[in-house]
Amino acid sequence: MLTNLIAILRQAQLLSLTQEKALVEHIQASGASAPEALLDLAIFDSQELSEHISQLFALPIQNLSDYAYPELCQQLGLRELIMRYQALPIENNGLVLTLAMADPTHLQAEEEFRFATGLAIEVVLADYKVLQGAIRRLYGRSLAGHSAQGKEISQDELASLVDISDDEQQQVEDLSQDDSPVSRFINQILLDAVRKGASDIHFEPYESLYRVRLRCDGILVQTQQPASHLGRRLAARIKILAKLDIAERRLPQDGRIKLRLNATTAIDMRVSTLPTLWGEKIVLRLLDSSAASLDIDKLGYNEMQKQLYLNALKQPQGMILMTGPTGSGKTVSLYTGLSLLNREQVNISTAEDPVEINLPGINQVQVQPKIGFGFAKALRSFLRQDPDIVMVGEIRDVETAEIAVKAAQTGHLVLSTLHTNSAAETVIRLANMGIEPFNLASSLSLIIAQRLARRLCPNCKVAKQPNVTEQQQFDLSADDILYAADPNGCSECTKGYSGRVGIYEVMAFNSQLAEAIMQRASITHIEAIAKANGMQTLQESGIEKLQQGITSIDELQRVLYF
């Protein structure tokens, strides 16, 4: 597949034959556009590429800031075309639509915009990175360009990739034919969520409006507001895809939707419906097994915290617990540990609800509480399977806690999670559940409390000095240089933030802590001993990230108590 732009650059002797072949292979494998491929392979930088194209086509490079394109794009409503072709309408005189593109040879894009608007199209040249930044600012991070998995997924492809039975496929087709605008709308929401890296999608009915919000980097952001009368139809479409009872609107329901992105990658969506005053609220939780990084060096542990975690993983027995609220990164921390432990010489079994990341070589079990197969029953079964390491998704009750403690005392390494606010509080929670102090003291190896804070964008973060209140609240000096988010963001981020980083409190157990547990010490006493042994609290770890310029005061105040 030789694109016109690559062919022209080759004819102009700006590309070698080897480079041309590499570009074609890259485009075929990833679905990248020609400008994207040229930058991916570092053949040109964005400015060099724009200058070459400008000279070859006698087109000046446009300064997009000279145009009121945000208002125009909103009026035209061509988001799907803009994202698909990475082309931006910047001017409309009623007869001619001016279209900024990084690849002026893309005739299909020109034709699609002509068909959609009924206007003649004039193509002008824009720098690729500048164009991408403009599109990101319009529609959010990661919307521009091809998808994270490479080849771009169209709405039709997304609808056809839902993994359902023949009978249900017929139902979907019938619904699509009866109400195609609703079908297209749902498909576009799913596509946007995948591209933005959203963790959840909220479909919310109210008395006079209906809104759709995405949770990106831990923050809910409104993305669409369809007409409120479409609420029932939207709910019906989602429920069919999730194999739920369409007629049941009085009771909550749970289901799943599976999307295959390519031959090796699939995304599961966990679906939850809830009857509210004005209709069914639906939340989709995206479970992308390929999205999470399992590299311990990328999670945000400082060197001391990382070594404590690695040391605990090397122990032949004991219990390692992750604690924090929902969405604080506990699962990724657990999976990171499991990936480090995963080797041919050991038998690892996990009980999960749901299985979020597939790990080859590990026996992963989906618990089914509705049929009586919960965490406790799964854990009992594991202990009859000659295990070395077991992971329990969550300790929710005393039965599971007792079995986990017993396993940790009898030669097994046990990993699990709880919902508590701090490492010290976890000890008290287990004791209050009915676990005897001497059993806790002999089984606990490590507790990690954690939160996730948004990372400041390294390209546009703004330096600042702390004011008097901030100095007192965060134990800072007037000379400290901190950073804040640029609310306008840049081409590499959304509103000054890009991704998230972990903030950790790592409590490693020793004889002093074991003795304190045996004496039924308070949370304050346990924490004081751990701090004397060198433990950083969540607040101290957060301030460290603040002073390193990784996150902001606003984020620390959002995720931690000060």
Protein backbone atom coordinates (compact mmCIF):
# COMPACT_ATOMS: atom_id res chain seq x y z
CA MET A 1 0.00 0.00 0.00
CA LEU A 2 1.95 2.98 -1.30
CA THR A 3 0.37 6.32 -0.34
CA ASN A 4 0.54 9.28 -2.71
CA LEU A 5 2.55 11.32 -0.22
CA ILE A 6 5.20 8.64 0.26
CA ALA A 7 5.44 8.10 -3.50
CA ILE A 8 5.91 11.83 -4.09
CA LEU A 9 8.57 12.11 -1.39
CA ARG A 10 10.37 9.14 -2.94
CA GLN A 11 10.23 10.71 -6.42
CA ALA A 12 11.67 13.90 -4.95
CA GLN A 13 14.56 11.78 -3.59
CA LEU A 14 13.66 12.70 -0.03
CA LEU A 15 13.23 9.01 0.83
CA SER A 16 15.45 6.04 0.12
CA LEU A 17 14.05 2.78 -1.20
CA THR A 18 14.71 1.16 2.18
CA GLN A 19 12.82 3.91 3.97
CA GLU A 20 9.95 3.62 1.52
CA LYS A 21 9.63 -0.12 2.17
CA ALA A 22 9.81 0.39 5.94
CA LEU A 23 7.08 3.02 5.77
CA VAL A 24 4.77 0.80 3.74
CA GLU A 25 5.27 -2.10 6.18
CA HIS A 26 4.62 0.19 9.15
CA ILE A 27 1.42 1.58 7.64
CA GLN A 28 0.14 -1.90 6.80
CA ALA A 29 0.91 -3.18 10.30
CA SER A 30 -0.35 -0.23 12.34
CA GLY A 31 -2.93 1.57 10.21
CA ALA A 32 -1.00 4.83 10.65
CA SER A 33 -1.42 7.71 8.23
CA ALA A 34 1.50 8.66 5.99
CA PRO A 35 2.58 11.70 8.10
CA GLU A 36 2.21 9.63 11.25
CA ALA A 37 4.38 6.84 9.85
CA LEU A 38 7.07 9.29 8.75
CA LEU A 39 7.25 10.66 12.30
CA ASP A 40 6.96 7.23 13.96
CA LEU A 41 10.04 6.02 12.09
CA ALA A 42 11.88 9.30 12.82
CA ILE A 43 12.54 9.93 9.13
CA PHE A 44 11.56 13.58 9.59
CA ASP A 45 10.44 15.64 12.52
CA SER A 46 7.09 17.39 12.17
CA GLN A 47 8.55 20.74 11.11
CA GLU A 48 10.86 19.17 8.50
CA LEU A 49 8.00 17.18 7.04
CA SER A 50 5.79 20.27 6.78
CA GLU A 51 8.55 22.25 5.09
CA HIS A 52 9.17 19.49 2.52
CA ILE A 53 5.47 19.22 1.71
CA SER A 54 5.17 23.01 1.51
CA GLN A 55 7.97 23.17 -1.06
CA LEU A 56 6.73 20.21 -3.12
CA PHE A 57 3.12 21.43 -3.34
CA ALA A 58 3.74 25.19 -3.18
CA LEU A 59 1.46 25.42 -0.15
CA PRO A 60 2.23 27.78 2.74
CA ILE A 61 2.04 26.31 6.25
CA GLN A 62 -1.03 27.75 7.94
CA ASN A 63 -1.02 29.20 11.45
CA LEU A 64 -4.14 27.61 12.94
CA SER A 65 -4.35 30.22 15.70
CA ASP A 66 -5.37 32.74 13.02
CA TYR A 67 -8.70 30.94 12.55
CA ALA A 68 -11.81 30.53 14.70
CA TYR A 69 -11.94 26.80 14.01
CA PRO A 70 -13.38 25.63 17.38
CA GLU A 71 -16.66 27.47 16.75
CA LEU A 72 -16.75 26.31 13.13
CA CYS A 73 -16.15 22.67 14.03
CA GLN A 74 -18.89 22.83 16.64
CA GLN A 75 -21.32 24.25 14.08
CA LEU A 76 -20.47 21.66 11.45
CA GLY A 77 -20.60 18.67 13.81
CA LEU A 78 -18.04 16.66 11.81
CA ARG A 79 -16.13 15.17 14.71
CA GLU A 80 -15.98 11.64 13.29
CA LEU A 81 -14.54 12.82 9.95
CA ILE A 82 -12.10 15.18 11.67
CA MET A 83 -10.74 12.38 13.86
CA ARG A 84 -10.71 9.75 11.12
CA TYR A 85 -8.82 11.82 8.56
CA GLN A 86 -6.92 14.16 10.92
CA ALA A 87 -8.27 17.09 8.95
CA LEU A 88 -9.57 20.32 10.47
CA PRO A 89 -12.14 22.72 8.95
CA ILE A 90 -10.82 26.21 9.65
CA GLU A 91 -12.90 28.53 7.45
CA ASN A 92 -16.30 28.50 5.72
CA ASN A 93 -17.53 31.28 3.44
CA GLY A 94 -20.78 29.51 2.59
CA LEU A 95 -19.48 28.11 -0.68
CA VAL A 96 -16.00 26.81 0.10
CA LEU A 97 -14.83 24.96 3.20
CA THR A 98 -11.12 25.41 3.96
CA LEU A 99 -9.66 22.17 5.28
CA ALA A 100 -6.29 22.07 7.09
CA MET A 101 -4.43 18.80 6.55
CA ALA A 102 -0.92 17.47 7.07
CA ASP A 103 -1.26 15.32 3.93
CA PRO A 104 -2.70 17.31 1.00
CA THR A 105 -2.74 14.17 -1.20
CA HIS A 106 -5.49 12.51 0.84
CA LEU A 107 -8.25 12.74 -1.77
CA GLN A 108 -10.64 10.46 0.10
CA ALA A 109 -10.74 12.87 3.03
CA GLU A 110 -11.47 15.74 0.68
CA GLU A 111 -14.31 13.80 -0.94
CA GLU A 112 -15.83 12.76 2.41
CA PHE A 113 -15.92 16.36 3.66
CA ARG A 114 -17.39 17.53 0.35
CA PHE A 115 -20.13 14.91 0.60
CA ALA A 116 -20.88 15.67 4.26
CA THR A 117 -21.11 19.46 3.87
CA GLY A 118 -22.19 19.99 0.28
CA LEU A 119 -19.43 22.59 -0.02
CA ALA A 120 -16.43 22.85 -2.30
CA ILE A 121 -13.21 21.97 -0.47
CA GLU A 122 -9.98 23.98 -0.43
CA VAL A 123 -7.07 22.09 1.14
CA VAL A 124 -4.39 24.03 3.03
CA LEU A 125 -1.29 22.70 4.77
CA ALA A 126 -0.82 22.43 8.54
CA ASP A 127 2.06 21.10 10.61
CA TYR A 128 1.17 17.56 11.71
CA LYS A 129 1.84 18.03 15.44
CA VAL A 130 0.13 21.42 15.54
CA LEU A 131 -2.88 19.87 13.82
CA GLN A 132 -2.94 16.96 16.27
CA GLY A 133 -2.78 19.37 19.19
CA ALA A 134 -5.70 21.38 17.82
CA ILE A 135 -7.82 18.24 17.41
CA ARG A 136 -6.93 17.03 20.91
CA ARG A 137 -7.95 20.36 22.40
CA LEU A 138 -11.27 20.13 20.58
CA TYR A 139 -12.16 16.54 21.38
CA GLY A 140 -9.85 15.29 24.13
CA ARG A 141 -6.53 13.45 24.54
CA SER A 142 -5.89 10.43 22.32
CA LEU A 143 -8.77 11.16 19.92
CA ALA A 144 -6.55 12.20 17.06
CA GLY A 145 -4.61 9.72 15.00
CA HIS A 146 -5.03 6.00 14.79
CA SER A 147 -6.11 3.97 17.78
CA ALA A 148 -3.82 2.76 20.52
CA GLN A 149 -3.84 -0.69 18.98
CA GLY A 150 -2.84 0.62 15.57
CA LYS A 151 -5.48 0.34 12.88
CA GLU A 152 -8.34 2.81 13.27
CA ILE A 153 -11.69 1.29 14.19
CA SER A 154 -14.70 2.67 12.37
CA GLN A 155 -18.18 2.71 13.87
CA ASP A 156 -19.34 -0.11 11.60
CA GLU A 157 -16.32 -2.22 12.52
CA LEU A 158 -16.92 -1.63 16.22
CA ALA A 159 -20.55 -2.75 15.98
CA SER A 160 -19.60 -5.86 14.05
CA LEU A 161 -16.93 -6.87 16.57
CA VAL A 162 -19.29 -7.40 19.49
CA ASP A 163 -18.97 -11.01 20.61
CA ILE A 164 -22.56 -12.32 20.73
CA SER A 165 -24.49 -15.35 19.61
CA ASP A 166 -26.29 -15.71 16.27
CA ASP A 167 -29.70 -15.05 17.84
CA GLU A 168 -28.48 -11.96 19.61
CA GLN A 169 -26.69 -10.78 16.48
CA GLN A 170 -30.06 -10.84 14.73
CA GLN A 171 -31.53 -8.79 17.58
CA VAL A 172 -28.77 -6.21 17.23
CA GLU A 173 -29.26 -5.99 13.49
CA ASP A 174 -33.00 -5.51 13.94
CA LEU A 175 -32.44 -2.76 16.50
CA SER A 176 -29.91 -1.09 14.23
CA GLN A 177 -32.38 -1.12 11.34
CA ASP A 178 -35.24 0.18 13.50
CA ASP A 179 -33.23 2.93 15.18
CA SER A 180 -29.98 3.48 13.35
CA PRO A 181 -29.22 6.92 14.88
CA VAL A 182 -29.24 5.36 18.36
CA SER A 183 -27.06 2.50 17.17
CA ARG A 184 -24.56 4.90 15.62
CA PHE A 185 -24.55 7.07 18.73
CA ILE A 186 -23.75 4.13 21.03
CA ASN A 187 -21.04 2.91 18.70
CA GLN A 188 -19.45 6.36 18.62
CA ILE A 189 -19.46 6.61 22.42
CA LEU A 190 -17.73 3.23 22.69
CA LEU A 191 -15.18 4.25 20.08
CA ASP A 192 -14.48 7.57 21.83
CA ALA A 193 -14.07 5.84 25.18
CA VAL A 194 -11.55 3.35 23.80
CA ARG A 195 -9.55 6.09 22.12
CA LYS A 196 -9.55 8.33 25.19
CA GLY A 197 -8.44 5.52 27.46
CA ALA A 198 -11.54 5.95 29.63
CA SER A 199 -12.07 3.54 32.52
CA ASP A 200 -15.85 4.03 32.78
CA ILE A 201 -18.76 5.34 30.72
CA HIS A 202 -21.81 6.78 32.51
CA PHE A 203 -25.22 7.02 30.75
CA GLU A 204 -27.38 9.18 33.02
CA PRO A 205 -31.09 10.10 32.66
CA TYR A 206 -32.55 13.18 34.37
CA GLU A 207 -35.90 14.93 34.23
CA SER A 208 -35.10 17.29 31.37
CA LEU A 209 -31.77 16.05 30.01
CA TYR A 210 -29.68 12.96 29.33
CA ARG A 211 -25.92 13.06 29.58
CA VAL A 212 -22.98 10.78 28.87
CA ARG A 213 -19.77 11.10 30.87
CA LEU A 214 -16.40 9.38 30.61
CA ARG A 215 -14.01 8.79 33.50
CA CYS A 216 -10.56 9.65 32.17
CA ASP A 217 -7.56 9.72 34.53
CA GLY A 218 -9.95 9.41 37.46
CA ILE A 219 -12.09 12.45 36.52
CA LEU A 220 -15.61 12.36 35.05
CA VAL A 221 -15.95 14.53 31.95
CA GLN A 222 -19.16 15.10 30.01
CA THR A 223 -18.79 14.03 26.41
CA GLN A 224 -22.32 14.00 24.95
CA GLN A 225 -25.80 15.27 25.80
CA PRO A 226 -28.37 13.58 23.54
CA ALA A 227 -32.08 14.39 23.63
CA SER A 228 -33.63 13.10 26.86
CA HIS A 229 -36.34 11.13 25.04
CA LEU A 230 -33.62 8.84 23.62
CA GLY A 231 -32.78 7.48 27.08
CA ARG A 232 -34.91 4.33 26.83
CA ARG A 233 -33.62 3.52 23.37
CA LEU A 234 -30.02 3.95 24.44
CA ALA A 235 -30.60 1.69 27.44
CA ALA A 236 -32.25 -0.95 25.24
CA ARG A 237 -29.33 -0.95 22.80
CA ILE A 238 -26.76 -1.40 25.56
CA LYS A 239 -28.80 -4.10 27.29
CA ILE A 240 -29.06 -6.11 24.07
CA LEU A 241 -25.30 -5.94 23.57
CA ALA A 242 -24.79 -7.01 27.20
CA LYS A 243 -27.31 -9.88 26.93
CA LEU A 244 -29.60 -8.38 29.57
CA ASP A 245 -33.39 -8.47 29.88
CA ILE A 246 -34.63 -5.48 27.88
CA ALA A 247 -38.08 -5.55 29.49
CA GLU A 248 -36.77 -5.46 33.08
CA ARG A 249 -36.49 -1.80 34.13
CA ARG A 250 -37.35 -2.15 37.84
CA LEU A 251 -34.33 -4.13 39.05
CA PRO A 252 -30.56 -3.61 38.66
CA GLN A 253 -28.85 -5.91 36.15
CA ASP A 254 -25.24 -6.83 35.43
CA GLY A 255 -23.70 -8.08 32.19
CA ARG A 256 -20.72 -7.82 29.88
CA ILE A 257 -19.89 -6.65 26.38
CA LYS A 258 -16.79 -7.93 24.60
CA LEU A 259 -15.01 -6.09 21.78
CA ARG A 260 -12.21 -7.62 19.75
CA LEU A 261 -9.76 -4.95 18.58
CA ASN A 262 -7.52 -7.32 16.65
CA ALA A 263 -6.54 -10.99 16.57
CA THR A 264 -4.75 -10.84 19.92
CA THR A 265 -6.43 -8.04 21.87
CA ALA A 266 -9.92 -7.83 23.35
CA ILE A 267 -11.62 -5.31 25.60
CA ASP A 268 -14.33 -6.40 28.02
CA MET A 269 -16.91 -3.98 29.34
CA ARG A 270 -18.67 -4.77 32.58
CA VAL A 271 -22.23 -3.39 32.41
CA SER A 272 -24.31 -2.30 35.40
CA THR A 273 -27.85 -0.91 35.19
CA LEU A 274 -29.62 0.93 38.00
CA PRO A 275 -33.27 2.09 38.00
CA THR A 276 -33.36 5.78 38.96
CA LEU A 277 -36.19 8.29 39.24
CA TRP A 278 -35.99 9.28 35.56
CA GLY A 279 -34.95 5.99 33.97
CA GLU A 280 -32.12 3.48 33.96
CA LYS A 281 -28.63 4.73 34.66
CA ILE A 282 -26.03 2.52 32.99
CA VAL A 283 -22.33 2.37 33.77
CA LEU A 284 -19.86 0.53 31.58
CA ARG A 285 -16.50 -0.39 33.15
CA LEU A 286 -13.82 -0.89 30.49
CA LEU A 287 -11.47 -3.77 31.25
CA ASP A 288 -8.63 -3.52 28.74
CA SER A 289 -6.16 -6.32 29.42
CA SER A 290 -3.52 -4.58 27.29
CA ALA A 291 -3.87 -1.09 28.73
CA ALA A 292 -2.09 -1.41 32.04
CA SER A 293 1.67 -1.20 32.38
CA LEU A 294 3.03 -3.98 34.61
CA ASP A 295 6.50 -2.43 34.83
CA ILE A 296 7.13 -1.71 38.50
CA ASP A 297 9.43 1.21 37.58
CA LYS A 298 6.52 3.00 35.88
CA LEU A 299 4.06 2.84 38.77
CA GLY A 300 5.51 5.64 40.91
CA TYR A 301 7.24 3.76 43.74
CA ASN A 302 10.35 5.47 45.05
CA GLU A 303 13.44 3.28 45.39
CA MET A 304 12.89 2.38 49.04
CA GLN A 305 9.23 1.49 48.49
CA LYS A 306 10.06 -0.60 45.44
CA GLN A 307 12.70 -2.59 47.31
CA LEU A 308 10.32 -3.30 50.19
CA TYR A 309 7.74 -4.65 47.73
CA LEU A 310 10.32 -6.75 45.87
CA ASN A 311 11.69 -8.14 49.15
CA ALA A 312 8.20 -9.20 50.25
CA LEU A 313 7.61 -10.90 46.89
CA LYS A 314 10.78 -12.96 47.42
CA GLN A 315 9.48 -14.45 50.67
CA PRO A 316 8.22 -18.07 50.47
CA GLN A 317 5.18 -17.31 52.62
CA GLY A 318 3.26 -14.43 54.14
CA MET A 319 0.51 -12.01 53.16
CA ILE A 320 0.89 -8.91 50.97
CA LEU A 321 -2.11 -6.57 51.00
CA MET A 322 -2.98 -3.60 48.77
CA THR A 323 -5.41 -1.10 50.23
CA GLY A 324 -7.19 2.00 49.02
CA PRO A 325 -10.48 3.17 47.52
CA THR A 326 -11.93 1.86 44.28
CA GLY A 327 -9.90 3.07 41.31
CA SER A 328 -6.69 3.66 43.27
CA GLY A 329 -4.57 1.23 41.25
CA LYS A 330 -4.61 -1.74 43.63
CA THR A 331 -5.26 -4.26 40.86
CA VAL A 332 -2.35 -3.06 38.73
CA SER A 333 -0.03 -3.22 41.75
CA LEU A 334 -1.15 -6.80 42.41
CA TYR A 335 -0.76 -7.85 38.79
CA THR A 336 2.69 -6.27 38.69
CA GLY A 337 3.72 -8.44 41.61
CA LEU A 338 2.19 -11.53 40.00
CA SER A 339 4.00 -10.87 36.73
CA LEU A 340 7.30 -10.74 38.63
CA LEU A 341 6.49 -14.01 40.41
CA ASN A 342 5.23 -15.79 37.30
CA ARG A 343 7.75 -18.46 36.33
CA GLU A 344 7.69 -22.11 35.38
CA GLN A 345 8.76 -23.40 38.80
CA VAL A 346 5.73 -22.09 40.74
CA ASN A 347 1.98 -22.72 40.75
CA ILE A 348 -0.02 -19.47 40.92
CA SER A 349 -3.81 -19.29 41.21
CA THR A 350 -5.98 -16.17 41.39
CA ALA A 351 -9.63 -15.61 42.34
CA GLU A 352 -10.96 -12.44 40.73
CA ASP A 353 -14.22 -10.57 40.15
CA PRO A 354 -13.77 -9.91 37.30
CA VAL A 355 -10.54 -11.13 35.67
CA GLU A 356 -9.20 -7.79 34.46
CA ILE A 357 -5.80 -8.63 32.94
CA ASN A 358 -4.95 -11.95 31.32
CA LEU A 359 -1.61 -13.38 32.51
CA PRO A 360 -0.47 -16.50 30.62
CA GLY A 361 0.99 -19.11 32.97
CA ILE A 362 -1.31 -18.19 35.87
CA ASN A 363 -4.52 -20.06 36.77
CA GLN A 364 -7.03 -17.21 36.80
CA VAL A 365 -10.50 -17.97 38.18
CA GLN A 366 -13.61 -15.83 37.79
CA VAL A 367 -15.69 -16.09 40.97
CA GLN A 368 -19.47 -16.34 40.65
CA PRO A 369 -21.08 -15.18 43.92
CA LYS A 370 -24.59 -15.61 42.48
CA ILE A 371 -24.11 -19.39 42.35
CA GLY A 372 -22.27 -19.61 45.65
CA PHE A 373 -18.74 -19.61 44.23
CA GLY A 374 -17.18 -16.70 46.09
CA PHE A 375 -13.66 -15.77 47.14
CA ALA A 376 -13.66 -18.02 50.22
CA LYS A 377 -14.76 -21.10 48.26
CA ALA A 378 -12.23 -20.39 45.51
CA LEU A 379 -9.46 -20.00 48.08
CA ARG A 380 -10.35 -23.32 49.71
CA SER A 381 -10.17 -24.99 46.32
CA PHE A 382 -6.79 -23.42 45.60
CA LEU A 383 -5.33 -24.92 48.77
CA ARG A 384 -6.18 -28.38 47.44
CA GLN A 385 -4.38 -27.63 44.16
CA ASP A 386 -0.78 -27.66 45.46
CA PRO A 387 -0.32 -23.86 45.20
CA ASP A 388 2.80 -21.81 45.83
CA ILE A 389 1.19 -18.39 45.41
CA VAL A 390 -2.47 -17.38 45.59
CA MET A 391 -4.14 -14.07 44.88
CA VAL A 392 -7.61 -13.18 46.16
CA GLY A 393 -9.18 -10.19 44.45
CA GLU A 394 -10.60 -8.77 47.67
CA ILE A 395 -10.99 -9.79 51.31
CA ARG A 396 -14.66 -8.94 51.88
CA ASP A 397 -15.60 -11.11 54.87
CA VAL A 398 -14.17 -12.90 57.87
CA GLU A 399 -14.32 -16.32 56.19
CA THR A 400 -12.08 -15.19 53.32
CA ALA A 401 -9.77 -13.39 55.75
CA GLU A 402 -9.37 -16.47 57.95
CA ILE A 403 -8.56 -18.76 55.03
CA ALA A 404 -6.08 -16.21 53.59
CA VAL A 405 -4.30 -15.88 56.95
CA LYS A 406 -4.15 -19.66 57.37
CA ALA A 407 -2.70 -20.05 53.87
CA ALA A 408 -0.05 -17.39 54.60
CA GLN A 409 0.94 -19.29 57.75
CA THR A 410 1.27 -22.66 56.02
CA GLY A 411 3.86 -22.04 53.35
CA HIS A 412 1.97 -19.98 50.78
CA LEU A 413 2.47 -16.43 49.55
CA VAL A 414 -0.93 -14.69 49.57
CA LEU A 415 -1.74 -11.41 47.80
CA SER A 416 -5.04 -9.56 48.19
CA THR A 417 -6.77 -6.17 48.59
CA LEU A 418 -8.95 -4.36 51.12
CA HIS A 419 -10.78 -1.04 51.18
CA THR A 420 -9.14 0.98 53.96
CA ASN A 421 -7.62 4.44 54.15
CA SER A 422 -4.11 3.59 55.35
CA ALA A 423 -1.74 0.71 55.99
CA ALA A 424 -2.15 0.92 59.77
CA GLU A 425 -5.93 1.00 59.47
CA THR A 426 -5.79 -2.28 57.54
CA VAL A 427 -4.39 -4.10 60.57
CA ILE A 428 -7.23 -2.82 62.77
CA ARG A 429 -9.82 -3.68 60.10
CA LEU A 430 -8.65 -7.31 59.99
CA ALA A 431 -8.63 -7.50 63.78
CA ASN A 432 -12.17 -6.08 63.91
CA MET A 433 -13.27 -8.71 61.39
CA GLY A 434 -12.36 -11.32 63.99
CA ILE A 435 -8.81 -12.35 63.06
CA GLU A 436 -6.83 -13.09 66.21
CA PRO A 437 -3.85 -10.73 66.77
CA PHE A 438 -1.32 -13.58 67.00
CA ASN A 439 -2.48 -14.86 63.59
CA LEU A 440 -2.15 -11.39 62.06
CA ALA A 441 1.29 -10.88 63.58
CA SER A 442 2.59 -14.14 62.14
CA SER A 443 1.07 -13.79 58.66
CA LEU A 444 1.41 -10.16 57.54
CA SER A 445 4.48 -9.35 55.44
CA LEU A 446 3.63 -6.06 53.72
CA ILE A 447 0.75 -3.62 53.39
CA ILE A 448 0.70 -1.00 50.63
CA ALA A 449 -1.84 1.83 50.84
CA GLN A 450 -2.14 3.78 47.62
CA ARG A 451 -3.86 6.50 45.65
CA LEU A 452 -3.66 7.67 42.04
CA ALA A 453 -3.01 11.33 41.23
CA ARG A 454 -2.96 12.87 37.78
CA ARG A 455 0.49 13.57 36.33
CA LEU A 456 1.31 17.09 35.28
CA CYS A 457 2.06 17.38 31.59
CA PRO A 458 5.85 17.83 31.35
CA ASN A 459 5.46 20.03 28.27
CA CYS A 460 3.17 22.73 29.63
CA LYS A 461 3.25 22.61 33.44
CA VAL A 462 3.60 26.04 35.03
CA ALA A 463 6.16 26.84 37.73
CA LYS A 464 4.90 28.53 40.90
CA GLN A 465 5.98 29.30 44.44
CA PRO A 466 3.80 28.13 47.33
CA ASN A 467 1.83 30.77 49.18
CA VAL A 468 1.85 31.00 52.98
CA THR A 469 -1.15 28.70 53.41
CA GLU A 470 0.37 26.07 51.14
CA GLN A 471 3.70 26.29 52.95
CA GLN A 472 1.99 25.54 56.24
CA GLN A 473 -0.32 22.85 54.88
CA PHE A 474 2.33 20.93 52.94
CA ASP A 475 5.40 21.67 55.09
CA LEU A 476 7.09 23.66 52.32
CA SER A 477 9.45 26.62 52.28
CA ALA A 478 9.02 29.85 50.36
CA ASP A 479 11.97 28.87 48.14
CA ASP A 480 10.40 25.61 46.94
CA ILE A 481 9.53 25.57 43.25
CA LEU A 482 6.28 23.75 42.59
CA TYR A 483 4.29 23.23 39.41
CA ALA A 484 0.64 23.62 38.49
CA ALA A 485 -1.41 22.50 35.51
CA ASP A 486 -1.96 24.82 32.58
CA PRO A 487 -5.78 24.81 32.30
CA ASN A 488 -5.52 25.33 28.54
CA GLY A 489 -3.26 22.28 28.11
CA CYS A 490 -1.16 21.64 25.03
CA SER A 491 -0.93 19.23 22.11
CA GLU A 492 0.31 16.45 24.42
CA CYS A 493 -2.29 16.58 27.20
CA THR A 494 -5.78 17.45 28.37
CA LYS A 495 -6.04 20.56 30.56
CA GLY A 496 -2.49 20.25 31.82
CA TYR A 497 -2.51 16.60 32.90
CA SER A 498 -1.40 13.44 31.13
CA GLY A 499 -1.80 10.03 32.76
CA ARG A 500 -1.63 9.18 36.47
CA VAL A 501 1.02 8.27 39.03
CA GLY A 502 0.79 6.19 42.18
CA ILE A 503 1.24 7.64 45.67
CA TYR A 504 2.20 4.92 48.15
CA GLU A 505 2.49 4.11 51.85
CA VAL A 506 4.48 0.87 52.23
CA MET A 507 4.46 -0.80 55.66
CA ALA A 508 6.91 -3.70 56.00
CA PHE A 509 6.35 -5.86 59.09
CA ASN A 510 9.05 -6.65 61.65
CA SER A 511 9.19 -7.85 65.25
CA GLN A 512 8.28 -4.41 66.64
CA LEU A 513 5.10 -4.20 64.59
CA ALA A 514 4.27 -7.84 65.35
CA GLU A 515 4.56 -7.11 69.07
CA ALA A 516 2.33 -4.02 68.72
CA ILE A 517 -0.32 -6.09 66.94
CA MET A 518 -0.19 -8.74 69.67
CA GLN A 519 -0.82 -5.97 72.22
CA ARG A 520 -3.81 -4.70 70.18
CA ALA A 521 -2.13 -1.34 69.58
CA SER A 522 -4.09 1.58 68.12
CA ILE A 523 -3.80 2.87 64.55
CA THR A 524 -1.75 5.83 65.80
CA HIS A 525 0.70 3.59 67.68
CA ILE A 526 1.15 1.18 64.75
CA GLU A 527 1.73 4.08 62.36
CA ALA A 528 4.24 5.69 64.73
CA ILE A 529 6.31 2.48 64.88
CA ALA A 530 6.23 2.14 61.09
CA LYS A 531 7.32 5.77 60.63
CA ALA A 532 10.16 5.26 63.10
CA ASN A 533 11.25 2.35 60.90
CA GLY A 534 11.35 4.65 57.86
CA MET A 535 7.84 4.37 56.39
CA GLN A 536 6.62 7.31 54.31
CA THR A 537 2.94 8.09 54.89
CA LEU A 538 0.66 8.75 51.94
CA GLN A 539 0.87 12.47 52.69
CA GLU A 540 4.67 12.43 52.79
CA SER A 541 4.83 10.42 49.58
CA GLY A 542 2.44 12.88 47.94
CA ILE A 543 4.53 15.87 49.00
CA GLU A 544 7.59 14.14 47.54
CA LYS A 545 5.78 13.85 44.19
CA LEU A 546 4.79 17.50 44.52
CA GLN A 547 8.37 18.66 45.10
CA GLN A 548 9.54 16.53 42.16
CA GLY A 549 7.13 18.39 39.87
CA ILE A 550 5.19 15.21 39.07
CA THR A 551 1.80 16.33 40.37
CA SER A 552 0.11 19.45 41.71
CA ILE A 553 -1.28 20.76 44.97
CA ASP A 554 -4.80 20.56 43.51
CA GLU A 555 -4.35 16.84 42.85
CA LEU A 556 -2.99 16.09 46.32
CA GLN A 557 -5.93 17.89 47.88
CA ARG A 558 -8.28 15.88 45.68
CA VAL A 559 -6.93 12.40 46.53
CA LEU A 560 -5.44 12.81 50.04
CA TYR A 561 -6.38 14.27 53.41
CA PHE A 562 -4.23 17.21 54.56
